[in-house]
Amino acid sequence: MAVVRRVLAAALVTLVGAATLAAQQQNKAVLFQVFGGGAQHLRNLNTSATSEGIADFKTGLNVGASIGVEFNKYFAVHGDLTYTVNEARGASSFAGSNIDRLFYGAHAEVSYPGSEGFMPFAFLGGGGVTVRQAISTPILPTFTKPAGMFGAGLRYQVAQSPVQLIFEGKSLVYKWDRGGFSRTQWDVSYSLGIAYRLGL
């Protein structure tokens, strides 16, 4: 995991630099955002409740960050990192241990500046999600899958400030085909965040 962390840190630094440079060259604004909150799942791993029980996950946590370039007040493109952790439960070989998920990708965002600093927004994108059992000798093998991502939220622009307060809901869709299961998963996170707007 140390190598993964170093690669992710390097990718984040590169993304920050590229976004800032692109915004400066094109006279656009850059938005830096951090967030955190809860994480849940809309589907169980097994297709139905059986005598062996239901394989699913407890409510967990999420943290993340995104960097976006605003082309105008209605449209932006963001790079996105979101980490979630949930405890597995029920009829699975890895029940009782935490399952980490790391999403990394990009999304396009549309927003509508409203009155009194409020701006509703929606986004759609994709990338990859890496799933890992967070123990030293995992039963569940670590795997990475393509993932779709979409969501919506609300921004509040603090008056006379580059700071925004954010509420956001996000869903990831990906295929889980490990640990004896084959299921399209729908993961949901809900977050509060803060953003800093640099530029126009």
Protein backbone atom coordinates (compact mmCIF):
# COMPACT_ATOMS: atom_id res chain seq x y z
CA MET A 1 0.00 0.00 0.00
CA ALA A 2 2.97 2.34 0.51
CA VAL A 3 3.66 2.27 -3.23
CA VAL A 4 -0.02 2.95 -3.97
CA ARG A 5 -0.02 5.93 -1.59
CA ARG A 6 3.09 7.37 -3.24
CA VAL A 7 1.61 6.96 -6.71
CA LEU A 8 -1.66 8.59 -5.63
CA ALA A 9 0.21 11.47 -3.97
CA ALA A 10 2.26 12.03 -7.13
CA ALA A 11 -0.88 11.89 -9.26
CA LEU A 12 -2.60 14.43 -7.01
CA VAL A 13 0.35 16.84 -7.15
CA THR A 14 0.48 16.47 -10.95
CA LEU A 15 -3.26 17.08 -11.23
CA VAL A 16 -3.07 20.20 -9.08
CA GLY A 17 -0.23 21.59 -11.16
CA ALA A 18 -1.87 20.75 -14.48
CA ALA A 19 -5.23 22.21 -13.46
CA THR A 20 -3.66 25.42 -12.16
CA LEU A 21 -1.51 25.85 -15.27
CA ALA A 22 -4.44 25.15 -17.60
CA ALA A 23 -6.61 27.66 -15.77
CA GLN A 24 -3.92 30.34 -15.89
CA GLN A 25 -3.30 29.82 -19.59
CA GLN A 26 -7.00 29.80 -20.48
CA ASN A 27 -8.06 32.48 -18.00
CA LYS A 28 -10.29 30.03 -16.13
CA ALA A 29 -10.96 29.42 -12.44
CA VAL A 30 -9.71 26.42 -10.45
CA LEU A 31 -11.76 24.91 -7.64
CA PHE A 32 -10.11 22.88 -4.86
CA GLN A 33 -12.53 20.83 -2.77
CA VAL A 34 -12.28 18.50 0.25
CA PHE A 35 -15.21 16.58 1.73
CA GLY A 36 -16.28 13.84 4.11
CA GLY A 37 -19.38 12.08 5.38
CA GLY A 38 -21.17 8.75 5.28
CA ALA A 39 -21.13 5.79 2.88
CA GLN A 40 -23.84 3.19 2.24
CA HIS A 41 -24.84 0.57 -0.33
CA LEU A 42 -28.12 0.22 -2.19
CA ARG A 43 -27.69 -3.49 -2.99
CA ASN A 44 -26.62 -6.60 -1.10
CA LEU A 45 -23.87 -8.79 -2.54
CA ASN A 46 -26.16 -11.82 -2.73
CA THR A 47 -29.20 -11.74 -4.97
CA SER A 48 -31.70 -12.71 -2.29
CA ALA A 49 -32.06 -13.40 1.41
CA THR A 50 -31.37 -17.09 2.09
CA SER A 51 -31.15 -19.32 5.12
CA GLU A 52 -27.48 -18.37 5.30
CA GLY A 53 -28.31 -14.68 5.73
CA ILE A 54 -27.66 -11.56 3.72
CA ALA A 55 -24.18 -10.45 2.67
CA ASP A 56 -23.93 -6.68 2.84
CA PHE A 57 -22.12 -3.81 4.57
CA LYS A 58 -22.69 -1.55 7.54
CA THR A 59 -22.95 2.21 7.12
CA GLY A 60 -19.42 3.60 6.85
CA LEU A 61 -17.42 6.73 6.17
CA ASN A 62 -16.05 8.59 3.19
CA VAL A 63 -13.39 11.25 2.66
CA GLY A 64 -12.17 12.74 -0.57
CA ALA A 65 -10.94 15.62 -2.67
CA SER A 66 -11.50 17.02 -6.11
CA ILE A 67 -9.84 19.59 -8.34
CA GLY A 68 -11.85 21.29 -11.05
CA VAL A 69 -11.46 23.78 -13.86
CA GLU A 70 -14.46 26.07 -14.34
CA PHE A 71 -14.93 27.00 -17.99
CA ASN A 72 -17.82 29.32 -17.13
CA LYS A 73 -20.39 29.68 -14.35
CA TYR A 74 -22.38 26.74 -15.71
CA PHE A 75 -19.81 24.08 -16.65
CA ALA A 76 -16.69 22.55 -15.07
CA VAL A 77 -14.55 19.42 -15.27
CA HIS A 78 -13.22 17.80 -12.07
CA GLY A 79 -10.68 15.17 -11.15
CA ASP A 80 -11.99 13.14 -8.21
CA LEU A 81 -10.57 10.92 -5.43
CA THR A 82 -13.05 9.34 -2.98
CA TYR A 83 -12.18 6.82 -0.25
CA THR A 84 -14.85 4.86 1.61
CA VAL A 85 -14.68 2.21 4.32
CA ASN A 86 -17.49 -0.12 5.48
CA GLU A 87 -17.58 -3.21 7.66
CA ALA A 88 -18.75 -6.36 5.87
CA ARG A 89 -21.43 -8.43 7.58
CA GLY A 90 -23.66 -11.42 6.96
CA ALA A 91 -22.93 -14.51 4.89
CA SER A 92 -19.51 -13.79 3.41
CA SER A 93 -16.06 -15.19 4.10
CA PHE A 94 -14.81 -11.66 4.85
CA ALA A 95 -17.65 -10.65 7.20
CA GLY A 96 -16.50 -8.68 10.24
CA SER A 97 -13.61 -6.92 8.50
CA ASN A 98 -13.45 -3.46 6.97
CA ILE A 99 -13.61 -3.15 3.19
CA ASP A 100 -11.85 -0.14 1.65
CA ARG A 101 -12.81 1.36 -1.68
CA LEU A 102 -10.82 4.02 -3.52
CA PHE A 103 -12.45 5.71 -6.50
CA TYR A 104 -10.29 7.77 -8.86
CA GLY A 105 -11.65 9.38 -11.96
CA ALA A 106 -13.14 12.50 -13.51
CA HIS A 107 -16.56 14.03 -14.00
CA ALA A 108 -18.26 16.84 -15.87
CA GLU A 109 -20.37 19.16 -13.74
CA VAL A 110 -23.20 21.52 -14.62
CA SER A 111 -24.44 24.12 -12.16
CA TYR A 112 -26.94 26.94 -12.03
CA PRO A 113 -26.10 30.08 -10.04
CA GLY A 114 -29.17 30.85 -7.96
CA SER A 115 -30.12 33.61 -5.58
CA GLU A 116 -28.32 34.53 -2.36
CA GLY A 117 -25.20 32.52 -3.19
CA PHE A 118 -26.85 29.10 -3.59
CA MET A 119 -25.87 26.99 -6.63
CA PRO A 120 -27.42 23.56 -7.30
CA PHE A 121 -25.26 21.25 -9.41
CA ALA A 122 -25.21 17.79 -10.96
CA PHE A 123 -22.36 15.70 -12.34
CA LEU A 124 -21.60 12.57 -14.36
CA GLY A 125 -18.32 10.75 -14.92
CA GLY A 126 -16.32 7.62 -14.44
CA GLY A 127 -13.01 6.04 -13.58
CA GLY A 128 -11.83 3.07 -11.56
CA VAL A 129 -12.54 1.69 -8.09
CA THR A 130 -10.08 -0.45 -6.12
CA VAL A 131 -11.60 -2.69 -3.44
CA ARG A 132 -9.44 -4.06 -0.60
CA GLN A 133 -10.02 -6.03 2.59
CA ALA A 134 -8.27 -4.00 5.29
CA ILE A 135 -6.43 -6.78 7.15
CA SER A 136 -2.85 -8.11 6.94
CA THR A 137 -3.86 -11.50 5.49
CA PRO A 138 -6.98 -10.83 3.41
CA ILE A 139 -9.40 -13.52 2.35
CA LEU A 140 -10.89 -11.25 -0.29
CA PRO A 141 -8.33 -10.51 -3.03
CA THR A 142 -7.83 -6.84 -3.88
CA PHE A 143 -9.41 -5.99 -7.22
CA THR A 144 -9.97 -2.97 -9.47
CA LYS A 145 -12.98 -2.39 -11.70
CA PRO A 146 -14.23 0.34 -14.04
CA ALA A 147 -16.85 2.46 -12.30
CA GLY A 148 -19.50 4.93 -13.35
CA MET A 149 -20.17 7.88 -11.07
CA PHE A 150 -22.98 10.43 -10.85
CA GLY A 151 -24.55 12.72 -8.30
CA ALA A 152 -25.87 16.12 -7.35
CA GLY A 153 -25.53 18.70 -4.63
CA LEU A 154 -25.73 22.28 -3.52
CA ARG A 155 -23.01 24.93 -3.18
CA TYR A 156 -23.14 28.08 -1.11
CA GLN A 157 -20.81 30.91 -2.06
CA VAL A 158 -19.64 32.77 1.05
CA ALA A 159 -20.11 36.49 0.35
CA GLN A 160 -16.98 38.45 -0.56
CA SER A 161 -14.90 35.27 -0.31
CA PRO A 162 -13.39 32.57 -2.58
CA VAL A 163 -14.80 29.93 -0.20
CA GLN A 164 -17.80 27.70 -0.92
CA LEU A 165 -19.66 25.36 1.41
CA ILE A 166 -20.94 22.18 -0.24
CA PHE A 167 -23.42 19.36 0.32
CA GLU A 168 -23.06 16.48 -2.15
CA GLY A 169 -24.54 13.06 -2.82
CA LYS A 170 -22.65 10.63 -5.05
CA SER A 171 -23.24 7.12 -6.41
CA LEU A 172 -20.69 4.63 -7.79
CA VAL A 173 -21.71 1.72 -10.02
CA TYR A 174 -19.32 -1.19 -10.61
CA LYS A 175 -19.15 -4.98 -10.90
CA TRP A 176 -18.26 -7.02 -7.79
CA ASP A 177 -17.16 -10.52 -8.92
CA ARG A 178 -14.97 -11.71 -6.05
CA GLY A 179 -15.48 -13.71 -2.85
CA GLY A 180 -18.13 -15.96 -4.36
CA PHE A 181 -20.41 -13.12 -5.52
CA SER A 182 -21.30 -11.66 -8.90
CA ARG A 183 -23.28 -8.48 -8.52
CA THR A 184 -23.44 -4.94 -9.89
CA GLN A 185 -22.95 -2.74 -6.84
CA TRP A 186 -24.47 0.68 -6.21
CA ASP A 187 -22.47 2.54 -3.54
CA VAL A 188 -23.75 5.85 -2.20
CA SER A 189 -21.86 8.54 -0.29
CA TYR A 190 -23.17 11.79 1.18
CA SER A 191 -20.78 14.53 2.19
CA LEU A 192 -20.26 17.99 3.53
CA GLY A 193 -17.32 19.86 2.08
CA ILE A 194 -15.50 23.10 1.60
CA ALA A 195 -14.06 24.49 -1.61
CA TYR A 196 -11.62 27.25 -2.47
CA ARG A 197 -11.96 29.02 -5.79
CA LEU A 198 -8.79 30.38 -7.38
CA GLY A 199 -9.10 32.69 -10.36
CA LEU A 200 -12.02 34.32 -12.12
